[in-house]
Amino acid sequence: MNIEFSYLYRDAGNFKNFGTVVFANKDQTSLEKLNEMIKQRLIDEMYFDAFNAGVPSLFFDDYDEELDHDWHEFECINEVESVPTDSHRRDITAFISKLAEKPA
């Protein structure tokens, strides 16, 4: 089974855009373990920089630099039979490692 990573962007007005990316799970790591690994690498176990993580940003067209922020929110992961959609063709564990990296 592959892993669908669900996340969202919440702007300053609390409007939300939702997105998903499907990753391969070559080692068949359990959802419980993957959740734990993800949360350990997020800011306050919830936030991450989509650009740095290499997933599509979900900003609204009317992004306001003075009010809005760059962080996206982790929502959940699920096992899916869908084919991977990650443009970098990463395994879920490679993506999780990227979550912990600081922007260059």
PDB file of N, CA and C in Angstrom:
ATOM      1  N   MET A   1       0.831  -1.185   0.000  1.00  0.00           N
ATOM      2  CA  MET A   1       0.000   0.000   0.000  1.00  0.00           C
ATOM      3  C   MET A   1       0.879   1.252   0.000  1.00  0.00           C
ATOM      4  N   ASN A   2       0.425   2.266  -0.677  1.00  0.00           N
ATOM      5  CA  ASN A   2       1.098   3.555  -0.686  1.00  0.00           C
ATOM      6  C   ASN A   2       0.498   4.441   0.400  1.00  0.00           C
ATOM      7  N   ILE A   3       1.119   5.589   0.632  1.00  0.00           N
ATOM      8  CA  ILE A   3       0.693   6.477   1.703  1.00  0.00           C
ATOM      9  C   ILE A   3       0.250   7.818   1.122  1.00  0.00           C
ATOM     10  N   GLU A   4      -0.975   8.210   1.460  1.00  0.00           N
ATOM     11  CA  GLU A   4      -1.492   9.513   1.066  1.00  0.00           C
ATOM     12  C   GLU A   4      -1.287  10.482   2.223  1.00  0.00           C
ATOM     13  N   PHE A   5      -0.537  11.543   1.972  1.00  0.00           N
ATOM     14  CA  PHE A   5      -0.245  12.592   2.941  1.00  0.00           C
ATOM     15  C   PHE A   5      -1.219  13.730   2.680  1.00  0.00           C
ATOM     16  N   SER A   6      -2.081  14.015   3.649  1.00  0.00           N
ATOM     17  CA  SER A   6      -3.077  15.085   3.513  1.00  0.00           C
ATOM     18  C   SER A   6      -2.654  16.283   4.347  1.00  0.00           C
ATOM     19  N   TYR A   7      -2.759  17.453   3.742  1.00  0.00           N
ATOM     20  CA  TYR A   7      -2.341  18.670   4.428  1.00  0.00           C
ATOM     21  C   TYR A   7      -3.211  19.831   3.968  1.00  0.00           C
ATOM     22  N   LEU A   8      -3.043  20.979   4.617  1.00  0.00           N
ATOM     23  CA  LEU A   8      -3.849  22.132   4.264  1.00  0.00           C
ATOM     24  C   LEU A   8      -3.088  23.418   4.505  1.00  0.00           C
ATOM     25  N   TYR A   9      -3.603  24.473   3.888  1.00  0.00           N
ATOM     26  CA  TYR A   9      -3.106  25.818   4.154  1.00  0.00           C
ATOM     27  C   TYR A   9      -4.275  26.611   4.716  1.00  0.00           C
ATOM     28  N   ARG A  10      -4.026  27.310   5.817  1.00  0.00           N
ATOM     29  CA  ARG A  10      -5.038  28.134   6.476  1.00  0.00           C
ATOM     30  C   ARG A  10      -4.526  29.580   6.448  1.00  0.00           C
ATOM     31  N   ASP A  11      -5.247  30.467   5.768  1.00  0.00           N
ATOM     32  CA  ASP A  11      -4.766  31.848   5.684  1.00  0.00           C
ATOM     33  C   ASP A  11      -5.180  32.646   6.915  1.00  0.00           C
ATOM     34  N   ALA A  12      -4.827  33.923   6.922  1.00  0.00           N
ATOM     35  CA  ALA A  12      -5.091  34.784   8.081  1.00  0.00           C
ATOM     36  C   ALA A  12      -6.587  34.927   8.368  1.00  0.00           C
ATOM     37  N   GLY A  13      -7.424  34.752   7.353  1.00  0.00           N
ATOM     38  CA  GLY A  13      -8.874  34.823   7.538  1.00  0.00           C
ATOM     39  C   GLY A  13      -9.489  33.472   7.883  1.00  0.00           C
ATOM     40  N   ASN A  14      -8.672  32.450   8.130  1.00  0.00           N
ATOM     41  CA  ASN A  14      -9.082  31.094   8.460  1.00  0.00           C
ATOM     42  C   ASN A  14      -9.747  30.359   7.288  1.00  0.00           C
ATOM     43  N   PHE A  15      -9.502  30.828   6.058  1.00  0.00           N
ATOM     44  CA  PHE A  15      -9.960  30.098   4.881  1.00  0.00           C
ATOM     45  C   PHE A  15      -8.938  29.006   4.606  1.00  0.00           C
ATOM     46  N   LYS A  16      -9.416  27.839   4.134  1.00  0.00           N
ATOM     47  CA  LYS A  16      -8.544  26.675   3.996  1.00  0.00           C
ATOM     48  C   LYS A  16      -8.532  26.130   2.575  1.00  0.00           C
ATOM     49  N   ASN A  17      -7.352  25.705   2.144  1.00  0.00           N
ATOM     50  CA  ASN A  17      -7.152  24.938   0.915  1.00  0.00           C
ATOM     51  C   ASN A  17      -6.566  23.599   1.325  1.00  0.00           C
ATOM     52  N   PHE A  18      -7.086  22.520   0.768  1.00  0.00           N
ATOM     53  CA  PHE A  18      -6.642  21.172   1.124  1.00  0.00           C
ATOM     54  C   PHE A  18      -5.908  20.528  -0.043  1.00  0.00           C
ATOM     55  N   GLY A  19      -4.941  19.683   0.276  1.00  0.00           N
ATOM     56  CA  GLY A  19      -4.207  18.971  -0.751  1.00  0.00           C
ATOM     57  C   GLY A  19      -3.713  17.627  -0.255  1.00  0.00           C
ATOM     58  N   THR A  20      -3.331  16.782  -1.208  1.00  0.00           N
ATOM     59  CA  THR A  20      -2.772  15.472  -0.876  1.00  0.00           C
ATOM     60  C   THR A  20      -1.630  15.153  -1.842  1.00  0.00           C
ATOM     61  N   VAL A  21      -0.722  14.326  -1.358  1.00  0.00           N
ATOM     62  CA  VAL A  21       0.350  13.775  -2.188  1.00  0.00           C
ATOM     63  C   VAL A  21       0.468  12.307  -1.795  1.00  0.00           C
ATOM     64  N   VAL A  22       0.577  11.431  -2.788  1.00  0.00           N
ATOM     65  CA  VAL A  22       0.724   9.995  -2.524  1.00  0.00           C
ATOM     66  C   VAL A  22       2.195   9.616  -2.695  1.00  0.00           C
ATOM     67  N   PHE A  23       2.722   8.928  -1.687  1.00  0.00           N
ATOM     68  CA  PHE A  23       4.105   8.470  -1.680  1.00  0.00           C
ATOM     69  C   PHE A  23       4.146   6.945  -1.672  1.00  0.00           C
ATOM     70  N   ALA A  24       5.198   6.389  -2.245  1.00  0.00           N
ATOM     71  CA  ALA A  24       5.432   4.951  -2.143  1.00  0.00           C
ATOM     72  C   ALA A  24       5.788   4.635  -0.692  1.00  0.00           C
ATOM     73  N   ASN A  25       5.559   3.405  -0.295  1.00  0.00           N
ATOM     74  CA  ASN A  25       5.911   2.940   1.054  1.00  0.00           C
ATOM     75  C   ASN A  25       6.631   1.605   0.894  1.00  0.00           C
ATOM     76  N   LYS A  26       7.842   1.675   0.340  1.00  0.00           N
ATOM     77  CA  LYS A  26       8.594   0.470  -0.020  1.00  0.00           C
ATOM     78  C   LYS A  26       8.816  -0.482   1.149  1.00  0.00           C
ATOM     79  N   ASP A  27       9.028   0.076   2.338  1.00  0.00           N
ATOM     80  CA  ASP A  27       9.278  -0.764   3.513  1.00  0.00           C
ATOM     81  C   ASP A  27       7.999  -1.192   4.221  1.00  0.00           C
ATOM     82  N   GLN A  28       6.849  -0.746   3.709  1.00  0.00           N
ATOM     83  CA  GLN A  28       5.545  -1.051   4.311  1.00  0.00           C
ATOM     84  C   GLN A  28       5.515  -0.684   5.798  1.00  0.00           C
ATOM     85  N   THR A  29       6.051   0.489   6.108  1.00  0.00           N
ATOM     86  CA  THR A  29       6.047   0.988   7.482  1.00  0.00           C
ATOM     87  C   THR A  29       4.614   1.257   7.904  1.00  0.00           C
ATOM     88  N   SER A  30       4.285   0.934   9.139  1.00  0.00           N
ATOM     89  CA  SER A  30       2.912   1.079   9.626  1.00  0.00           C
ATOM     90  C   SER A  30       2.500   2.547   9.709  1.00  0.00           C
ATOM     91  N   LEU A  31       1.205   2.799   9.606  1.00  0.00           N
ATOM     92  CA  LEU A  31       0.681   4.157   9.735  1.00  0.00           C
ATOM     93  C   LEU A  31       1.042   4.753  11.091  1.00  0.00           C
ATOM     94  N   GLU A  32       0.964   3.939  12.127  1.00  0.00           N
ATOM     95  CA  GLU A  32       1.286   4.407  13.475  1.00  0.00           C
ATOM     96  C   GLU A  32       2.731   4.914  13.540  1.00  0.00           C
ATOM     97  N   LYS A  33       3.654   4.153  13.008  1.00  0.00           N
ATOM     98  CA  LYS A  33       5.063   4.537  13.026  1.00  0.00           C
ATOM     99  C   LYS A  33       5.295   5.771  12.153  1.00  0.00           C
ATOM    100  N   LEU A  34       4.673   5.815  10.971  1.00  0.00           N
ATOM    101  CA  LEU A  34       4.829   6.961  10.088  1.00  0.00           C
ATOM    102  C   LEU A  34       4.282   8.235  10.726  1.00  0.00           C
ATOM    103  N   ASN A  35       3.124   8.143  11.379  1.00  0.00           N
ATOM    104  CA  ASN A  35       2.548   9.296  12.080  1.00  0.00           C
ATOM    105  C   ASN A  35       3.521   9.828  13.134  1.00  0.00           C
ATOM    106  N   GLU A  36       4.089   8.914  13.876  1.00  0.00           N
ATOM    107  CA  GLU A  36       5.054   9.287  14.920  1.00  0.00           C
ATOM    108  C   GLU A  36       6.271   9.981  14.297  1.00  0.00           C
ATOM    109  N   MET A  37       6.791   9.426  13.206  1.00  0.00           N
ATOM    110  CA  MET A  37       7.951   9.993  12.538  1.00  0.00           C
ATOM    111  C   MET A  37       7.641  11.394  11.993  1.00  0.00           C
ATOM    112  N   ILE A  38       6.470  11.553  11.416  1.00  0.00           N
ATOM    113  CA  ILE A  38       6.070  12.850  10.856  1.00  0.00           C
ATOM    114  C   ILE A  38       5.968  13.895  11.960  1.00  0.00           C
ATOM    115  N   LYS A  39       5.218  13.595  12.998  1.00  0.00           N
ATOM    116  CA  LYS A  39       4.975  14.574  14.061  1.00  0.00           C
ATOM    117  C   LYS A  39       6.265  15.000  14.757  1.00  0.00           C
ATOM    118  N   GLN A  40       7.235  14.099  14.846  1.00  0.00           N
ATOM    119  CA  GLN A  40       8.518  14.444  15.463  1.00  0.00           C
ATOM    120  C   GLN A  40       9.272  15.503  14.659  1.00  0.00           C
ATOM    121  N   ARG A  41       8.977  15.606  13.384  1.00  0.00           N
ATOM    122  CA  ARG A  41       9.721  16.511  12.508  1.00  0.00           C
ATOM    123  C   ARG A  41       8.980  17.811  12.196  1.00  0.00           C
ATOM    124  N   LEU A  42       7.754  17.920  12.649  1.00  0.00           N
ATOM    125  CA  LEU A  42       6.961  19.117  12.368  1.00  0.00           C
ATOM    126  C   LEU A  42       7.135  20.172  13.454  1.00  0.00           C
ATOM    127  N   ILE A  43       6.834  21.395  13.133  1.00  0.00           N
ATOM    128  CA  ILE A  43       6.826  22.479  14.106  1.00  0.00           C
ATOM    129  C   ILE A  43       5.552  22.313  14.937  1.00  0.00           C
ATOM    130  N   ASP A  44       5.702  22.183  16.252  1.00  0.00           N
ATOM    131  CA  ASP A  44       4.565  21.944  17.158  1.00  0.00           C
ATOM    132  C   ASP A  44       3.729  20.737  16.727  1.00  0.00           C
ATOM    133  N   GLU A  45       4.379  19.721  16.153  1.00  0.00           N
ATOM    134  CA  GLU A  45       3.740  18.480  15.690  1.00  0.00           C
ATOM    135  C   GLU A  45       2.642  18.719  14.661  1.00  0.00           C
ATOM    136  N   MET A  46       2.670  19.886  13.981  1.00  0.00           N
ATOM    137  CA  MET A  46       1.584  20.199  13.066  1.00  0.00           C
ATOM    138  C   MET A  46       2.020  20.938  11.796  1.00  0.00           C
ATOM    139  N   TYR A  47       2.975  21.843  11.881  1.00  0.00           N
ATOM    140  CA  TYR A  47       3.268  22.764  10.780  1.00  0.00           C
ATOM    141  C   TYR A  47       4.559  22.420  10.038  1.00  0.00           C
ATOM    142  N   PHE A  48       4.576  22.793   8.749  1.00  0.00           N
ATOM    143  CA  PHE A  48       5.773  22.596   7.935  1.00  0.00           C
ATOM    144  C   PHE A  48       5.759  23.583   6.779  1.00  0.00           C
ATOM    145  N   ASP A  49       6.908  23.740   6.152  1.00  0.00           N
ATOM    146  CA  ASP A  49       7.061  24.607   4.989  1.00  0.00           C
ATOM    147  C   ASP A  49       6.927  23.729   3.745  1.00  0.00           C
ATOM    148  N   ALA A  50       5.862  23.914   2.983  1.00  0.00           N
ATOM    149  CA  ALA A  50       5.594  23.066   1.816  1.00  0.00           C
ATOM    150  C   ALA A  50       6.695  23.187   0.767  1.00  0.00           C
ATOM    151  N   PHE A  51       7.181  24.402   0.546  1.00  0.00           N
ATOM    152  CA  PHE A  51       8.240  24.598  -0.447  1.00  0.00           C
ATOM    153  C   PHE A  51       9.477  23.804  -0.063  1.00  0.00           C
ATOM    154  N   ASN A  52       9.894  23.925   1.191  1.00  0.00           N
ATOM    155  CA  ASN A  52      11.080  23.209   1.671  1.00  0.00           C
ATOM    156  C   ASN A  52      10.875  21.697   1.626  1.00  0.00           C
ATOM    157  N   ALA A  53       9.659  21.242   1.904  1.00  0.00           N
ATOM    158  CA  ALA A  53       9.366  19.806   1.901  1.00  0.00           C
ATOM    159  C   ALA A  53       9.199  19.244   0.490  1.00  0.00           C
ATOM    160  N   GLY A  54       9.062  20.125  -0.490  1.00  0.00           N
ATOM    161  CA  GLY A  54       8.950  19.664  -1.867  1.00  0.00           C
ATOM    162  C   GLY A  54       7.576  19.173  -2.257  1.00  0.00           C
ATOM    163  N   VAL A  55       6.538  19.732  -1.625  1.00  0.00           N
ATOM    164  CA  VAL A  55       5.161  19.424  -2.019  1.00  0.00           C
ATOM    165  C   VAL A  55       4.498  20.726  -2.478  1.00  0.00           C
ATOM    166  N   PRO A  56       3.452  20.631  -3.281  1.00  0.00           N
ATOM    167  CA  PRO A  56       2.811  21.853  -3.779  1.00  0.00           C
ATOM    168  C   PRO A  56       2.283  22.737  -2.644  1.00  0.00           C
ATOM    169  N   SER A  57       2.538  24.042  -2.770  1.00  0.00           N
ATOM    170  CA  SER A  57       1.971  24.972  -1.796  1.00  0.00           C
ATOM    171  C   SER A  57       0.488  25.148  -2.117  1.00  0.00           C
ATOM    172  N   LEU A  58      -0.273  25.465  -1.106  1.00  0.00           N
ATOM    173  CA  LEU A  58      -1.723  25.586  -1.247  1.00  0.00           C
ATOM    174  C   LEU A  58      -2.193  27.013  -0.976  1.00  0.00           C
ATOM    175  N   PHE A  59      -1.318  27.987  -1.197  1.00  0.00           N
ATOM    176  CA  PHE A  59      -1.675  29.377  -0.956  1.00  0.00           C
ATOM    177  C   PHE A  59      -2.852  29.802  -1.837  1.00  0.00           C
ATOM    178  N   PHE A  60      -3.606  30.773  -1.354  1.00  0.00           N
ATOM    179  CA  PHE A  60      -4.678  31.371  -2.143  1.00  0.00           C
ATOM    180  C   PHE A  60      -4.072  32.391  -3.102  1.00  0.00           C
ATOM    181  N   ASP A  61      -4.787  32.703  -4.168  1.00  0.00           N
ATOM    182  CA  ASP A  61      -4.306  33.674  -5.151  1.00  0.00           C
ATOM    183  C   ASP A  61      -4.100  35.056  -4.539  1.00  0.00           C
ATOM    184  N   ASP A  62      -4.878  35.390  -3.512  1.00  0.00           N
ATOM    185  CA  ASP A  62      -4.782  36.719  -2.894  1.00  0.00           C
ATOM    186  C   ASP A  62      -3.889  36.700  -1.650  1.00  0.00           C
ATOM    187  N   TYR A  63      -2.807  35.918  -1.687  1.00  0.00           N
ATOM    188  CA  TYR A  63      -1.860  35.815  -0.578  1.00  0.00           C
ATOM    189  C   TYR A  63      -1.365  37.208  -0.196  1.00  0.00           C
ATOM    190  N   ASP A  64      -1.458  37.549   1.075  1.00  0.00           N
ATOM    191  CA  ASP A  64      -1.033  38.848   1.588  1.00  0.00           C
ATOM    192  C   ASP A  64       0.167  38.634   2.505  1.00  0.00           C
ATOM    193  N   GLU A  65       1.354  39.039   2.070  1.00  0.00           N
ATOM    194  CA  GLU A  65       2.579  38.806   2.833  1.00  0.00           C
ATOM    195  C   GLU A  65       2.540  39.406   4.234  1.00  0.00           C
ATOM    196  N   GLU A  66       1.761  40.447   4.427  1.00  0.00           N
ATOM    197  CA  GLU A  66       1.705  41.097   5.739  1.00  0.00           C
ATOM    198  C   GLU A  66       0.777  40.381   6.711  1.00  0.00           C
ATOM    199  N   LEU A  67      -0.180  39.623   6.188  1.00  0.00           N
ATOM    200  CA  LEU A  67      -1.141  38.934   7.050  1.00  0.00           C
ATOM    201  C   LEU A  67      -0.965  37.421   7.053  1.00  0.00           C
ATOM    202  N   ASP A  68      -0.706  36.856   5.896  1.00  0.00           N
ATOM    203  CA  ASP A  68      -0.612  35.405   5.776  1.00  0.00           C
ATOM    204  C   ASP A  68       0.786  34.923   6.140  1.00  0.00           C
ATOM    205  N   HIS A  69       0.963  33.634   6.220  1.00  0.00           N
ATOM    206  CA  HIS A  69       2.230  33.017   6.628  1.00  0.00           C
ATOM    207  C   HIS A  69       2.587  31.928   5.632  1.00  0.00           C
ATOM    208  N   ASP A  70       3.747  31.309   5.810  1.00  0.00           N
ATOM    209  CA  ASP A  70       4.213  30.287   4.867  1.00  0.00           C
ATOM    210  C   ASP A  70       3.923  28.859   5.306  1.00  0.00           C
ATOM    211  N   TRP A  71       3.488  28.660   6.531  1.00  0.00           N
ATOM    212  CA  TRP A  71       3.334  27.310   7.054  1.00  0.00           C
ATOM    213  C   TRP A  71       2.063  26.630   6.568  1.00  0.00           C
ATOM    214  N   HIS A  72       2.211  25.338   6.304  1.00  0.00           N
ATOM    215  CA  HIS A  72       1.081  24.465   5.990  1.00  0.00           C
ATOM    216  C   HIS A  72       0.876  23.546   7.186  1.00  0.00           C
ATOM    217  N   GLU A  73      -0.300  22.941   7.269  1.00  0.00           N
ATOM    218  CA  GLU A  73      -0.630  22.065   8.398  1.00  0.00           C
ATOM    219  C   GLU A  73      -0.766  20.620   7.943  1.00  0.00           C
ATOM    220  N   PHE A  74      -0.152  19.732   8.687  1.00  0.00           N
ATOM    221  CA  PHE A  74      -0.333  18.297   8.481  1.00  0.00           C
ATOM    222  C   PHE A  74      -1.736  17.937   8.955  1.00  0.00           C
ATOM    223  N   GLU A  75      -2.477  17.192   8.140  1.00  0.00           N
ATOM    224  CA  GLU A  75      -3.814  16.755   8.524  1.00  0.00           C
ATOM    225  C   GLU A  75      -3.813  15.279   8.930  1.00  0.00           C
ATOM    226  N   CYS A  76      -3.406  14.392   8.021  1.00  0.00           N
ATOM    227  CA  CYS A  76      -3.390  12.963   8.341  1.00  0.00           C
ATOM    228  C   CYS A  76      -2.685  12.198   7.225  1.00  0.00           C
ATOM    229  N   ILE A  77      -2.457  10.914   7.464  1.00  0.00           N
ATOM    230  CA  ILE A  77      -1.980  10.013   6.420  1.00  0.00           C
ATOM    231  C   ILE A  77      -2.910   8.806   6.376  1.00  0.00           C
ATOM    232  N   ASN A  78      -3.004   8.213   5.191  1.00  0.00           N
ATOM    233  CA  ASN A  78      -3.838   7.028   4.998  1.00  0.00           C
ATOM    234  C   ASN A  78      -3.151   6.085   4.026  1.00  0.00           C
ATOM    235  N   GLU A  79      -3.448   4.810   4.170  1.00  0.00           N
ATOM    236  CA  GLU A  79      -2.985   3.829   3.189  1.00  0.00           C
ATOM    237  C   GLU A  79      -3.944   3.874   2.010  1.00  0.00           C
ATOM    238  N   VAL A  80      -3.371   3.873   0.802  1.00  0.00           N
ATOM    239  CA  VAL A  80      -4.178   3.924  -0.416  1.00  0.00           C
ATOM    240  C   VAL A  80      -3.577   3.000  -1.463  1.00  0.00           C
ATOM    241  N   GLU A  81      -4.405   2.595  -2.401  1.00  0.00           N
ATOM    242  CA  GLU A  81      -3.925   1.785  -3.518  1.00  0.00           C
ATOM    243  C   GLU A  81      -3.559   2.654  -4.707  1.00  0.00           C
ATOM    244  N   SER A  82      -3.782   3.961  -4.604  1.00  0.00           N
ATOM    245  CA  SER A  82      -3.468   4.896  -5.681  1.00  0.00           C
ATOM    246  C   SER A  82      -1.975   4.888  -5.985  1.00  0.00           C
ATOM    247  N   VAL A  83      -1.644   5.219  -7.221  1.00  0.00           N
ATOM    248  CA  VAL A  83      -0.240   5.305  -7.609  1.00  0.00           C
ATOM    249  C   VAL A  83       0.378   6.559  -6.985  1.00  0.00           C
ATOM    250  N   PRO A  84       1.681   6.532  -6.713  1.00  0.00           N
ATOM    251  CA  PRO A  84       2.341   7.715  -6.152  1.00  0.00           C
ATOM    252  C   PRO A  84       2.190   8.931  -7.064  1.00  0.00           C
ATOM    253  N   THR A  85       2.002  10.100  -6.438  1.00  0.00           N
ATOM    254  CA  THR A  85       1.849  11.356  -7.185  1.00  0.00           C
ATOM    255  C   THR A  85       2.960  12.350  -6.868  1.00  0.00           C
ATOM    256  N   ASP A  86       3.878  11.987  -5.986  1.00  0.00           N
ATOM    257  CA  ASP A  86       4.961  12.897  -5.616  1.00  0.00           C
ATOM    258  C   ASP A  86       5.820  13.181  -6.846  1.00  0.00           C
ATOM    259  N   SER A  87       5.974  14.452  -7.175  1.00  0.00           N
ATOM    260  CA  SER A  87       6.731  14.827  -8.374  1.00  0.00           C
ATOM    261  C   SER A  87       8.212  14.474  -8.269  1.00  0.00           C
ATOM    262  N   HIS A  88       8.705  14.246  -7.050  1.00  0.00           N
ATOM    263  CA  HIS A  88      10.108  13.872  -6.843  1.00  0.00           C
ATOM    264  C   HIS A  88      10.297  12.354  -6.760  1.00  0.00           C
ATOM    265  N   ARG A  89       9.195  11.615  -6.834  1.00  0.00           N
ATOM    266  CA  ARG A  89       9.212  10.136  -6.804  1.00  0.00           C
ATOM    267  C   ARG A  89       9.886   9.577  -5.553  1.00  0.00           C
ATOM    268  N   ARG A  90       9.606  10.215  -4.417  1.00  0.00           N
ATOM    269  CA  ARG A  90      10.215   9.795  -3.148  1.00  0.00           C
ATOM    270  C   ARG A  90       9.366   8.751  -2.440  1.00  0.00           C
ATOM    271  N   ASP A  91      10.045   7.954  -1.651  1.00  0.00           N
ATOM    272  CA  ASP A  91       9.391   7.073  -0.703  1.00  0.00           C
ATOM    273  C   ASP A  91       8.937   7.945   0.474  1.00  0.00           C
ATOM    274  N   ILE A  92       7.929   7.518   1.204  1.00  0.00           N
ATOM    275  CA  ILE A  92       7.415   8.305   2.327  1.00  0.00           C
ATOM    276  C   ILE A  92       8.508   8.618   3.348  1.00  0.00           C
ATOM    277  N   THR A  93       9.435   7.699   3.583  1.00  0.00           N
ATOM    278  CA  THR A  93      10.479   7.962   4.575  1.00  0.00           C
ATOM    279  C   THR A  93      11.449   9.046   4.097  1.00  0.00           C
ATOM    280  N   ALA A  94      11.707   9.128   2.797  1.00  0.00           N
ATOM    281  CA  ALA A  94      12.553  10.197   2.255  1.00  0.00           C
ATOM    282  C   ALA A  94      11.851  11.543   2.402  1.00  0.00           C
ATOM    283  N   PHE A  95      10.547  11.557   2.163  1.00  0.00           N
ATOM    284  CA  PHE A  95       9.774  12.792   2.355  1.00  0.00           C
ATOM    285  C   PHE A  95       9.792  13.220   3.820  1.00  0.00           C
ATOM    286  N   ILE A  96       9.605  12.284   4.724  1.00  0.00           N
ATOM    287  CA  ILE A  96       9.599  12.600   6.154  1.00  0.00           C
ATOM    288  C   ILE A  96      10.949  13.190   6.565  1.00  0.00           C
ATOM    289  N   SER A  97      12.029  12.660   6.054  1.00  0.00           N
ATOM    290  CA  SER A  97      13.352  13.213   6.350  1.00  0.00           C
ATOM    291  C   SER A  97      13.454  14.655   5.890  1.00  0.00           C
ATOM    292  N   LYS A  98      12.851  14.963   4.760  1.00  0.00           N
ATOM    293  CA  LYS A  98      12.886  16.316   4.205  1.00  0.00           C
ATOM    294  C   LYS A  98      12.123  17.307   5.109  1.00  0.00           C
ATOM    295  N   LEU A  99      11.108  16.833   5.810  1.00  0.00           N
ATOM    296  CA  LEU A  99      10.332  17.697   6.705  1.00  0.00           C
ATOM    297  C   LEU A  99      11.197  18.326   7.786  1.00  0.00           C
ATOM    298  N   ALA A 100      12.229  17.629   8.194  1.00  0.00           N
ATOM    299  CA  ALA A 100      13.079  18.098   9.306  1.00  0.00           C
ATOM    300  C   ALA A 100      14.174  19.051   8.847  1.00  0.00           C
ATOM    301  N   GLU A 101      14.413  19.144   7.541  1.00  0.00           N
ATOM    302  CA  GLU A 101      15.491  20.003   7.062  1.00  0.00           C
ATOM    303  C   GLU A 101      15.092  21.465   7.141  1.00  0.00           C
ATOM    304  N   LYS A 102      16.073  22.294   7.437  1.00  0.00           N
ATOM    305  CA  LYS A 102      15.875  23.733   7.483  1.00  0.00           C
ATOM    306  C   LYS A 102      16.026  24.306   6.080  1.00  0.00           C
ATOM    307  N   PRO A 103      15.283  25.361   5.754  1.00  0.00           N
ATOM    308  CA  PRO A 103      15.424  25.970   4.422  1.00  0.00           C
ATOM    309  C   PRO A 103      16.854  26.456   4.194  1.00  0.00           C
ATOM    310  N   ALA A 104      17.292  26.357   2.960  1.00  0.00           N
ATOM    311  CA  ALA A 104      18.660  26.776   2.596  1.00  0.00           C
ATOM    312  C   ALA A 104      18.765  28.280   2.514  1.00  0.00           C
TER     313      ALA A 104
END
